[in-house]
Structures are given as C-alpha cells and as structure tokens.
N, C-alpha and C. Protein backbone atom coordinates (compact mmCIF):
# COMPACT_ATOMS: atom_id res chain seq x y z
N MET A 1 -144.31 253.01 -91.50
CA MET A 1 -143.58 251.77 -91.77
C MET A 1 -144.50 250.82 -92.54
N GLN A 2 -144.00 250.34 -93.63
CA GLN A 2 -144.76 249.40 -94.45
C GLN A 2 -144.38 247.98 -94.05
N VAL A 3 -145.39 247.18 -93.77
CA VAL A 3 -145.16 245.79 -93.41
C VAL A 3 -145.08 244.98 -94.70
N PRO A 4 -143.95 244.26 -94.91
CA PRO A 4 -143.85 243.46 -96.13
C PRO A 4 -144.91 242.37 -96.15
N ARG A 5 -145.49 242.15 -97.29
CA ARG A 5 -146.50 241.10 -97.40
C ARG A 5 -145.80 239.74 -97.32
N LEU A 6 -146.56 238.78 -96.87
CA LEU A 6 -146.02 237.43 -96.73
C LEU A 6 -145.87 236.82 -98.11
N THR A 7 -144.65 236.50 -98.46
CA THR A 7 -144.39 235.84 -99.73
C THR A 7 -143.96 234.41 -99.46
N TRP A 8 -143.92 233.63 -100.49
CA TRP A 8 -143.57 232.22 -100.32
C TRP A 8 -142.11 232.01 -99.98
N LYS A 9 -141.26 232.95 -100.34
CA LYS A 9 -139.83 232.78 -100.07
C LYS A 9 -139.54 232.65 -98.56
N PRO A 10 -139.99 233.59 -97.70
CA PRO A 10 -139.73 233.41 -96.27
C PRO A 10 -140.46 232.21 -95.68
N VAL A 11 -141.66 231.93 -96.17
CA VAL A 11 -142.40 230.76 -95.68
C VAL A 11 -141.62 229.49 -96.02
N GLY A 12 -141.18 229.40 -97.25
CA GLY A 12 -140.40 228.24 -97.68
C GLY A 12 -139.10 228.10 -96.90
N LEU A 13 -138.43 229.22 -96.68
CA LEU A 13 -137.18 229.20 -95.91
C LEU A 13 -137.43 228.74 -94.47
N ALA A 14 -138.49 229.27 -93.85
CA ALA A 14 -138.81 228.87 -92.48
C ALA A 14 -139.12 227.38 -92.40
N LEU A 15 -139.90 226.89 -93.35
CA LEU A 15 -140.24 225.46 -93.35
C LEU A 15 -139.01 224.60 -93.64
N LEU A 16 -138.18 225.05 -94.57
CA LEU A 16 -136.96 224.31 -94.88
C LEU A 16 -136.04 224.23 -93.65
N LEU A 17 -135.87 225.35 -92.97
CA LEU A 17 -135.02 225.36 -91.78
C LEU A 17 -135.60 224.46 -90.69
N THR A 18 -136.92 224.44 -90.57
CA THR A 18 -137.56 223.57 -89.59
C THR A 18 -137.25 222.11 -89.90
N VAL A 19 -137.35 221.74 -91.15
CA VAL A 19 -137.05 220.36 -91.56
C VAL A 19 -135.56 220.06 -91.36
N VAL A 20 -134.69 220.99 -91.73
CA VAL A 20 -133.24 220.78 -91.58
C VAL A 20 -132.87 220.58 -90.11
N VAL A 21 -133.41 221.44 -89.24
CA VAL A 21 -133.09 221.30 -87.82
C VAL A 21 -133.63 219.98 -87.28
N SER A 22 -134.85 219.64 -87.63
CA SER A 22 -135.43 218.38 -87.17
C SER A 22 -134.60 217.19 -87.65
N ALA A 23 -134.24 217.21 -88.93
CA ALA A 23 -133.43 216.12 -89.48
C ALA A 23 -132.05 216.09 -88.85
N GLY A 24 -131.45 217.27 -88.68
CA GLY A 24 -130.12 217.33 -88.06
C GLY A 24 -130.14 216.79 -86.65
N GLY A 25 -131.15 217.16 -85.90
CA GLY A 25 -131.28 216.63 -84.54
C GLY A 25 -131.49 215.13 -84.53
N ALA A 26 -132.33 214.65 -85.44
CA ALA A 26 -132.60 213.21 -85.51
C ALA A 26 -131.36 212.43 -85.92
N LEU A 27 -130.62 212.95 -86.88
CA LEU A 27 -129.42 212.25 -87.36
C LEU A 27 -128.29 212.24 -86.34
N THR A 28 -128.24 213.25 -85.49
CA THR A 28 -127.16 213.31 -84.50
C THR A 28 -127.56 212.69 -83.16
N THR A 29 -128.81 212.29 -83.02
CA THR A 29 -129.27 211.69 -81.77
C THR A 29 -129.21 210.17 -81.90
N ASP A 30 -128.23 209.61 -81.24
CA ASP A 30 -128.03 208.16 -81.27
C ASP A 30 -128.40 207.60 -79.90
N ILE A 31 -129.63 207.15 -79.80
CA ILE A 31 -130.07 206.55 -78.53
C ILE A 31 -129.81 205.07 -78.63
N GLY A 32 -128.65 204.70 -78.16
CA GLY A 32 -128.23 203.31 -78.24
C GLY A 32 -127.72 202.82 -76.90
N GLU A 33 -126.85 201.86 -76.98
CA GLU A 33 -126.33 201.19 -75.78
C GLU A 33 -125.72 202.18 -74.79
N TRP A 34 -124.91 203.10 -75.29
CA TRP A 34 -124.25 204.08 -74.41
C TRP A 34 -125.29 204.89 -73.64
N TYR A 35 -126.28 205.40 -74.36
CA TYR A 35 -127.31 206.25 -73.75
C TYR A 35 -128.11 205.47 -72.71
N TYR A 36 -128.50 204.25 -73.05
CA TYR A 36 -129.31 203.46 -72.12
C TYR A 36 -128.53 203.03 -70.88
N ALA A 37 -127.21 202.99 -70.99
CA ALA A 37 -126.37 202.62 -69.84
C ALA A 37 -126.21 203.78 -68.85
N LEU A 38 -126.51 204.99 -69.28
CA LEU A 38 -126.40 206.15 -68.38
C LEU A 38 -127.41 206.07 -67.25
N GLN A 39 -126.99 206.51 -66.07
CA GLN A 39 -127.94 206.68 -64.98
C GLN A 39 -128.69 207.98 -65.24
N LYS A 40 -130.02 207.92 -65.14
CA LYS A 40 -130.84 209.09 -65.39
C LYS A 40 -131.77 209.31 -64.19
N PRO A 41 -132.17 210.55 -63.97
CA PRO A 41 -133.06 210.81 -62.84
C PRO A 41 -134.45 210.22 -63.08
N SER A 42 -135.14 209.94 -62.00
CA SER A 42 -136.47 209.34 -62.11
C SER A 42 -137.48 210.29 -62.77
N TRP A 43 -137.19 211.58 -62.75
CA TRP A 43 -138.12 212.58 -63.30
C TRP A 43 -137.89 212.87 -64.79
N GLN A 44 -136.94 212.15 -65.41
CA GLN A 44 -136.72 212.35 -66.85
C GLN A 44 -137.96 211.91 -67.60
N PRO A 45 -138.41 212.71 -68.57
CA PRO A 45 -139.58 212.29 -69.37
C PRO A 45 -139.24 211.03 -70.17
N PRO A 46 -140.27 210.29 -70.59
CA PRO A 46 -140.02 209.10 -71.41
C PRO A 46 -139.42 209.51 -72.76
N ASP A 47 -138.63 208.63 -73.32
CA ASP A 47 -137.94 208.91 -74.59
C ASP A 47 -138.91 209.31 -75.70
N TRP A 48 -140.08 208.69 -75.77
CA TRP A 48 -141.03 208.97 -76.85
C TRP A 48 -141.53 210.41 -76.83
N LEU A 49 -141.44 211.10 -75.69
CA LEU A 49 -141.97 212.46 -75.59
C LEU A 49 -141.08 213.49 -76.28
N PHE A 50 -139.79 213.21 -76.38
CA PHE A 50 -138.86 214.21 -76.91
C PHE A 50 -139.15 214.58 -78.37
N GLY A 51 -139.49 213.62 -79.20
CA GLY A 51 -139.79 213.90 -80.61
C GLY A 51 -140.95 214.86 -80.79
N PRO A 52 -142.12 214.57 -80.20
CA PRO A 52 -143.24 215.50 -80.34
C PRO A 52 -142.97 216.89 -79.74
N VAL A 53 -142.24 216.93 -78.63
CA VAL A 53 -141.93 218.23 -78.03
C VAL A 53 -141.05 219.05 -78.96
N TRP A 54 -139.98 218.43 -79.48
CA TRP A 54 -139.09 219.17 -80.37
C TRP A 54 -139.80 219.57 -81.66
N THR A 55 -140.64 218.72 -82.20
CA THR A 55 -141.38 219.07 -83.41
C THR A 55 -142.26 220.29 -83.16
N THR A 56 -142.95 220.32 -82.05
CA THR A 56 -143.79 221.46 -81.69
C THR A 56 -142.94 222.72 -81.52
N ILE A 57 -141.83 222.60 -80.84
CA ILE A 57 -140.94 223.75 -80.63
C ILE A 57 -140.44 224.29 -81.95
N PHE A 58 -140.03 223.41 -82.86
CA PHE A 58 -139.51 223.87 -84.15
C PHE A 58 -140.61 224.53 -84.98
N LEU A 59 -141.82 224.02 -84.92
CA LEU A 59 -142.93 224.65 -85.65
C LEU A 59 -143.23 226.05 -85.08
N LEU A 60 -143.23 226.16 -83.76
CA LEU A 60 -143.45 227.47 -83.13
C LEU A 60 -142.33 228.44 -83.51
N ALA A 61 -141.10 227.94 -83.57
CA ALA A 61 -139.98 228.80 -83.97
C ALA A 61 -140.12 229.25 -85.41
N ALA A 62 -140.61 228.38 -86.28
CA ALA A 62 -140.82 228.77 -87.68
C ALA A 62 -141.89 229.85 -87.77
N ILE A 63 -142.98 229.67 -87.05
CA ILE A 63 -144.04 230.69 -87.04
C ILE A 63 -143.51 231.99 -86.47
N SER A 64 -142.74 231.88 -85.40
CA SER A 64 -142.13 233.06 -84.78
C SER A 64 -141.27 233.83 -85.77
N SER A 65 -140.45 233.10 -86.51
CA SER A 65 -139.56 233.76 -87.46
C SER A 65 -140.34 234.45 -88.57
N LEU A 66 -141.42 233.83 -89.01
CA LEU A 66 -142.24 234.44 -90.06
C LEU A 66 -142.92 235.72 -89.57
N LEU A 67 -143.46 235.69 -88.37
CA LEU A 67 -144.10 236.89 -87.83
C LEU A 67 -143.09 238.02 -87.68
N ALA A 68 -141.94 237.71 -87.14
CA ALA A 68 -140.91 238.74 -86.95
C ALA A 68 -140.41 239.25 -88.29
N TRP A 69 -140.26 238.36 -89.25
CA TRP A 69 -139.80 238.74 -90.59
C TRP A 69 -140.76 239.78 -91.20
N ARG A 70 -142.04 239.50 -91.07
CA ARG A 70 -143.05 240.40 -91.64
C ARG A 70 -143.04 241.77 -90.97
N ARG A 71 -142.72 241.81 -89.70
CA ARG A 71 -142.80 243.06 -88.95
C ARG A 71 -141.48 243.83 -88.90
N ALA A 72 -140.40 243.20 -89.28
CA ALA A 72 -139.09 243.87 -89.24
C ALA A 72 -139.12 245.08 -90.18
N PRO A 73 -138.56 246.21 -89.74
CA PRO A 73 -138.70 247.44 -90.52
C PRO A 73 -137.82 247.53 -91.76
N ASP A 74 -136.76 246.72 -91.82
CA ASP A 74 -135.85 246.88 -92.96
C ASP A 74 -135.07 245.58 -93.21
N VAL A 75 -134.33 245.59 -94.30
CA VAL A 75 -133.56 244.42 -94.71
C VAL A 75 -132.51 244.07 -93.66
N GLY A 76 -131.87 245.06 -93.09
CA GLY A 76 -130.84 244.80 -92.07
C GLY A 76 -131.41 244.08 -90.86
N SER A 77 -132.59 244.47 -90.43
CA SER A 77 -133.24 243.80 -89.29
C SER A 77 -133.59 242.37 -89.63
N ARG A 78 -134.09 242.16 -90.85
CA ARG A 78 -134.43 240.79 -91.27
C ARG A 78 -133.17 239.93 -91.37
N ARG A 79 -132.11 240.51 -91.91
CA ARG A 79 -130.85 239.77 -92.03
C ARG A 79 -130.33 239.37 -90.64
N ARG A 80 -130.39 240.28 -89.69
CA ARG A 80 -129.93 240.01 -88.33
C ARG A 80 -130.72 238.85 -87.72
N MET A 81 -132.04 238.85 -87.93
CA MET A 81 -132.86 237.76 -87.39
C MET A 81 -132.51 236.42 -88.04
N VAL A 82 -132.31 236.42 -89.35
CA VAL A 82 -131.95 235.18 -90.04
C VAL A 82 -130.62 234.66 -89.50
N ILE A 83 -129.65 235.54 -89.33
CA ILE A 83 -128.34 235.12 -88.80
C ILE A 83 -128.50 234.54 -87.40
N LEU A 84 -129.30 235.20 -86.55
CA LEU A 84 -129.50 234.70 -85.19
C LEU A 84 -130.20 233.34 -85.19
N PHE A 85 -131.17 233.16 -86.07
CA PHE A 85 -131.83 231.85 -86.17
C PHE A 85 -130.84 230.79 -86.67
N LEU A 86 -129.99 231.13 -87.63
CA LEU A 86 -128.99 230.18 -88.11
C LEU A 86 -128.00 229.80 -87.02
N VAL A 87 -127.56 230.77 -86.24
CA VAL A 87 -126.66 230.48 -85.11
C VAL A 87 -127.36 229.54 -84.14
N ASN A 88 -128.63 229.82 -83.87
CA ASN A 88 -129.40 228.97 -82.96
C ASN A 88 -129.50 227.54 -83.49
N ILE A 89 -129.71 227.39 -84.79
CA ILE A 89 -129.80 226.06 -85.40
C ILE A 89 -128.48 225.31 -85.22
N VAL A 90 -127.38 225.98 -85.48
CA VAL A 90 -126.07 225.35 -85.33
C VAL A 90 -125.86 224.91 -83.87
N LEU A 91 -126.22 225.78 -82.94
CA LEU A 91 -126.05 225.44 -81.52
C LEU A 91 -126.96 224.28 -81.12
N ASN A 92 -128.16 224.24 -81.65
CA ASN A 92 -129.09 223.17 -81.34
C ASN A 92 -128.55 221.82 -81.80
N VAL A 93 -128.08 221.76 -83.03
CA VAL A 93 -127.54 220.51 -83.58
C VAL A 93 -126.23 220.14 -82.89
N THR A 94 -125.42 221.15 -82.56
CA THR A 94 -124.14 220.88 -81.89
C THR A 94 -124.36 220.22 -80.53
N TRP A 95 -125.41 220.66 -79.82
CA TRP A 95 -125.68 220.02 -78.52
C TRP A 95 -125.91 218.52 -78.71
N SER A 96 -126.73 218.16 -79.68
CA SER A 96 -126.99 216.74 -79.93
C SER A 96 -125.73 215.99 -80.32
N LEU A 97 -124.91 216.62 -81.14
CA LEU A 97 -123.63 216.00 -81.52
C LEU A 97 -122.76 215.72 -80.29
N LEU A 98 -122.62 216.72 -79.45
CA LEU A 98 -121.77 216.56 -78.26
C LEU A 98 -122.32 215.49 -77.33
N PHE A 99 -123.60 215.55 -77.05
CA PHE A 99 -124.19 214.63 -76.08
C PHE A 99 -124.31 213.21 -76.64
N PHE A 100 -124.94 213.07 -77.78
CA PHE A 100 -125.29 211.73 -78.27
C PHE A 100 -124.22 211.08 -79.15
N ARG A 101 -123.56 211.83 -79.99
CA ARG A 101 -122.56 211.24 -80.90
C ARG A 101 -121.19 211.14 -80.26
N MET A 102 -120.78 212.23 -79.59
CA MET A 102 -119.44 212.23 -78.98
C MET A 102 -119.46 211.66 -77.56
N HIS A 103 -120.67 211.40 -77.04
CA HIS A 103 -120.83 210.86 -75.69
C HIS A 103 -120.18 211.77 -74.65
N ARG A 104 -120.38 213.06 -74.81
CA ARG A 104 -119.80 214.05 -73.91
C ARG A 104 -120.87 214.97 -73.33
N PRO A 105 -121.69 214.45 -72.42
CA PRO A 105 -122.67 215.31 -71.76
C PRO A 105 -122.02 216.48 -71.02
N ASP A 106 -120.77 216.29 -70.59
CA ASP A 106 -120.07 217.38 -69.89
C ASP A 106 -119.82 218.55 -70.84
N TYR A 107 -119.38 218.29 -72.06
CA TYR A 107 -119.20 219.35 -73.05
C TYR A 107 -120.56 219.95 -73.44
N ALA A 108 -121.55 219.08 -73.59
CA ALA A 108 -122.89 219.55 -73.96
C ALA A 108 -123.46 220.48 -72.90
N LEU A 109 -123.10 220.25 -71.66
CA LEU A 109 -123.58 221.11 -70.58
C LEU A 109 -123.07 222.54 -70.74
N TYR A 110 -121.83 222.69 -71.15
CA TYR A 110 -121.30 224.03 -71.42
C TYR A 110 -121.98 224.63 -72.66
N GLU A 111 -122.15 223.82 -73.66
CA GLU A 111 -122.72 224.31 -74.92
C GLU A 111 -124.18 224.71 -74.76
N VAL A 112 -124.92 224.05 -73.87
CA VAL A 112 -126.34 224.38 -73.71
C VAL A 112 -126.52 225.80 -73.19
N ALA A 113 -125.53 226.32 -72.49
CA ALA A 113 -125.60 227.73 -72.05
C ALA A 113 -125.60 228.67 -73.26
N LEU A 114 -124.83 228.32 -74.27
CA LEU A 114 -124.81 229.12 -75.50
C LEU A 114 -126.15 229.00 -76.24
N LEU A 115 -126.69 227.79 -76.30
CA LEU A 115 -127.99 227.58 -76.93
C LEU A 115 -129.06 228.40 -76.23
N TRP A 116 -129.10 228.33 -74.90
CA TRP A 116 -130.07 229.08 -74.10
C TRP A 116 -129.92 230.58 -74.37
N SER A 117 -128.69 231.05 -74.39
CA SER A 117 -128.43 232.48 -74.64
C SER A 117 -128.89 232.90 -76.04
N SER A 118 -128.75 232.01 -77.01
CA SER A 118 -129.18 232.35 -78.36
C SER A 118 -130.71 232.49 -78.44
N ILE A 119 -131.43 231.71 -77.66
CA ILE A 119 -132.89 231.82 -77.63
C ILE A 119 -133.30 233.15 -76.99
N VAL A 120 -132.67 233.47 -75.87
CA VAL A 120 -132.97 234.75 -75.20
C VAL A 120 -132.65 235.91 -76.13
N THR A 121 -131.53 235.84 -76.82
CA THR A 121 -131.15 236.91 -77.76
C THR A 121 -132.20 237.07 -78.85
N LEU A 122 -132.67 235.96 -79.41
CA LEU A 122 -133.72 236.03 -80.42
C LEU A 122 -134.98 236.70 -79.86
N MET A 123 -135.36 236.31 -78.66
CA MET A 123 -136.56 236.88 -78.05
C MET A 123 -136.42 238.39 -77.85
N VAL A 124 -135.25 238.81 -77.41
CA VAL A 124 -135.02 240.24 -77.17
C VAL A 124 -134.99 241.01 -78.48
N ILE A 125 -134.31 240.48 -79.48
CA ILE A 125 -134.19 241.16 -80.77
C ILE A 125 -135.56 241.27 -81.47
N MET A 126 -136.38 240.24 -81.35
CA MET A 126 -137.67 240.24 -82.04
C MET A 126 -138.74 241.04 -81.30
N TRP A 127 -138.59 241.25 -80.01
CA TRP A 127 -139.61 241.90 -79.19
C TRP A 127 -140.10 243.23 -79.77
N PRO A 128 -139.22 244.13 -80.21
CA PRO A 128 -139.72 245.41 -80.73
C PRO A 128 -140.56 245.26 -82.01
N TYR A 129 -140.34 244.23 -82.77
CA TYR A 129 -141.06 244.03 -84.03
C TYR A 129 -142.32 243.22 -83.84
N SER A 130 -142.22 242.19 -83.01
CA SER A 130 -143.36 241.29 -82.83
C SER A 130 -143.26 240.61 -81.47
N ARG A 131 -144.07 241.08 -80.55
CA ARG A 131 -144.08 240.46 -79.22
C ARG A 131 -144.56 239.02 -79.30
N ALA A 132 -145.48 238.77 -80.22
CA ALA A 132 -145.97 237.39 -80.40
C ALA A 132 -144.82 236.47 -80.80
N SER A 133 -143.91 236.95 -81.65
CA SER A 133 -142.76 236.14 -82.05
C SER A 133 -141.91 235.76 -80.84
N SER A 134 -141.69 236.72 -79.98
CA SER A 134 -140.91 236.45 -78.77
C SER A 134 -141.62 235.44 -77.88
N TRP A 135 -142.91 235.63 -77.67
CA TRP A 135 -143.67 234.71 -76.81
C TRP A 135 -143.70 233.29 -77.39
N LEU A 136 -143.74 233.18 -78.71
CA LEU A 136 -143.76 231.85 -79.33
C LEU A 136 -142.49 231.05 -79.06
N LEU A 137 -141.41 231.74 -78.70
CA LEU A 137 -140.15 231.06 -78.38
C LEU A 137 -140.07 230.66 -76.90
N THR A 138 -141.05 231.05 -76.11
CA THR A 138 -141.04 230.73 -74.68
C THR A 138 -141.01 229.22 -74.42
N PRO A 139 -141.81 228.40 -75.11
CA PRO A 139 -141.71 226.95 -74.88
C PRO A 139 -140.30 226.41 -75.18
N TYR A 140 -139.67 226.95 -76.21
CA TYR A 140 -138.30 226.56 -76.57
C TYR A 140 -137.35 226.89 -75.42
N LEU A 141 -137.45 228.10 -74.90
CA LEU A 141 -136.59 228.52 -73.79
C LEU A 141 -136.83 227.65 -72.56
N LEU A 142 -138.08 227.38 -72.25
CA LEU A 142 -138.40 226.56 -71.08
C LEU A 142 -137.90 225.13 -71.25
N TRP A 143 -138.07 224.57 -72.45
CA TRP A 143 -137.63 223.19 -72.70
C TRP A 143 -136.11 223.08 -72.63
N VAL A 144 -135.41 224.05 -73.20
CA VAL A 144 -133.95 224.03 -73.14
C VAL A 144 -133.48 224.24 -71.70
N SER A 145 -134.18 225.04 -70.92
CA SER A 145 -133.85 225.21 -69.50
C SER A 145 -134.00 223.87 -68.78
N PHE A 146 -135.10 223.17 -69.05
CA PHE A 146 -135.32 221.86 -68.46
C PHE A 146 -134.25 220.87 -68.94
N ALA A 147 -133.96 220.89 -70.23
CA ALA A 147 -132.95 219.99 -70.79
C ALA A 147 -131.58 220.26 -70.18
N ALA A 148 -131.27 221.53 -69.92
CA ALA A 148 -129.98 221.87 -69.30
C ALA A 148 -129.90 221.28 -67.90
N PHE A 149 -130.99 221.36 -67.14
CA PHE A 149 -131.00 220.78 -65.79
C PHE A 149 -130.90 219.26 -65.86
N LEU A 150 -131.57 218.66 -66.82
CA LEU A 150 -131.47 217.21 -67.03
C LEU A 150 -130.04 216.84 -67.41
N ASN A 151 -129.44 217.61 -68.30
CA ASN A 151 -128.05 217.41 -68.72
C ASN A 151 -127.12 217.48 -67.51
N LEU A 152 -127.30 218.50 -66.67
CA LEU A 152 -126.48 218.66 -65.45
C LEU A 152 -126.64 217.45 -64.54
N THR A 153 -127.86 216.99 -64.37
CA THR A 153 -128.12 215.84 -63.50
C THR A 153 -127.45 214.59 -64.05
N ILE A 154 -127.50 214.38 -65.35
CA ILE A 154 -126.85 213.22 -65.96
C ILE A 154 -125.34 213.31 -65.79
N VAL A 155 -124.77 214.49 -65.93
CA VAL A 155 -123.32 214.66 -65.71
C VAL A 155 -122.98 214.31 -64.27
N ARG A 156 -123.76 214.80 -63.33
CA ARG A 156 -123.50 214.51 -61.91
C ARG A 156 -123.64 213.03 -61.58
N LEU A 157 -124.59 212.36 -62.19
CA LEU A 157 -124.82 210.94 -61.92
C LEU A 157 -123.80 210.03 -62.59
N ASN A 158 -123.17 210.49 -63.68
CA ASN A 158 -122.36 209.59 -64.51
C ASN A 158 -120.92 210.02 -64.72
N GLY A 159 -120.59 211.26 -64.44
CA GLY A 159 -119.25 211.77 -64.77
C GLY A 159 -118.15 211.08 -63.97
N PRO A 160 -116.93 211.26 -64.32
CA PRO A 160 -116.43 212.04 -65.46
C PRO A 160 -116.55 211.26 -66.77
N PHE A 161 -116.48 211.99 -67.87
CA PHE A 161 -116.68 211.40 -69.19
C PHE A 161 -115.40 211.32 -70.02
N ALA A 162 -114.32 211.85 -69.55
CA ALA A 162 -113.06 211.83 -70.32
C ALA A 162 -112.68 210.39 -70.63
N GLY A 163 -112.23 210.18 -71.87
CA GLY A 163 -111.75 208.85 -72.27
C GLY A 163 -112.84 207.92 -72.73
N ASN A 164 -114.09 208.38 -72.81
CA ASN A 164 -115.17 207.50 -73.28
C ASN A 164 -115.10 207.30 -74.76
C-alpha cells in the first residue's frame, strides 16, 4: 500500500473546514439575554472557556483528518471520511442553531446524540488507517459527552421550552 504524500490540497481543505466550523459555531452562538436568564448548574464551566476548548478540538480534528487522509488506502476511503467529517460539521453547527438561535435546548438534546454518534463513527472508520487519528478525536468525544450532560441539566432546570 502506497501512502499518498501530503499535498497542500488536503491541508488547505482541513484548515478551511476548521475555520468554517469555528465561524459557523460563533455565528450561531448567541449568548444574550435569553441564555443568561437560563438556570445553569454550578458546575458549568465559565463562558470564556468554551472558545479555547472548541478551537483546540477543531484543530485536533483537522490534524486527525489529515493523518487519516494520508493513511487511507484508496479514493473511496478518503471520500467516505470527508463525507463523515462534513456530516459531523453540519451536526455541530446545527446543535448551536437549535440551542442558541432557536432557544430550544430540548431539541438540541436530541440532536447532540446524533453529533456524538458521528464522532464515534469517525473514530471507528479511521481506526484501521490511523489509530492516532481516532485518538485525536477523543477530546471532542469527551467534550460533547460533557456538553450533552450539561444540555440535559439545563433542560431539566428550565423546561419546557415550547412557545419560547
């Protein structure tokens, strides 16, 4: 099996997707009056921590995708990984839309299960090509697991949300 050399095209694509996801998340995250009025658990991290954590996670995901891309044995495998990463990006931004823009943490709670599943799927699909790629997504999986529990707690403290 010949490992494709690292070219600028996949590097550029990975960096572009990282910027798009970061910008999409930032644009759909409206921390305003509605958000501050929500009851939140005492163990919620401070708001300032979320930006650096997500930036780190997105950078690790970009590195992960590049490593897996280089090790994938064929075009079909690379295409499958790109599609899975794109699905993950859509799910990531959709969660922010549901929670922050639509003010529906209850809907976001259902959607976060799909986001979590997409991360696990990526880790499983990439494992045979690059174990390092799979491990690099572990912080993402752990953070989304934590965010899902935080989301659940906010729903329990503030629901129901219908009619907001």
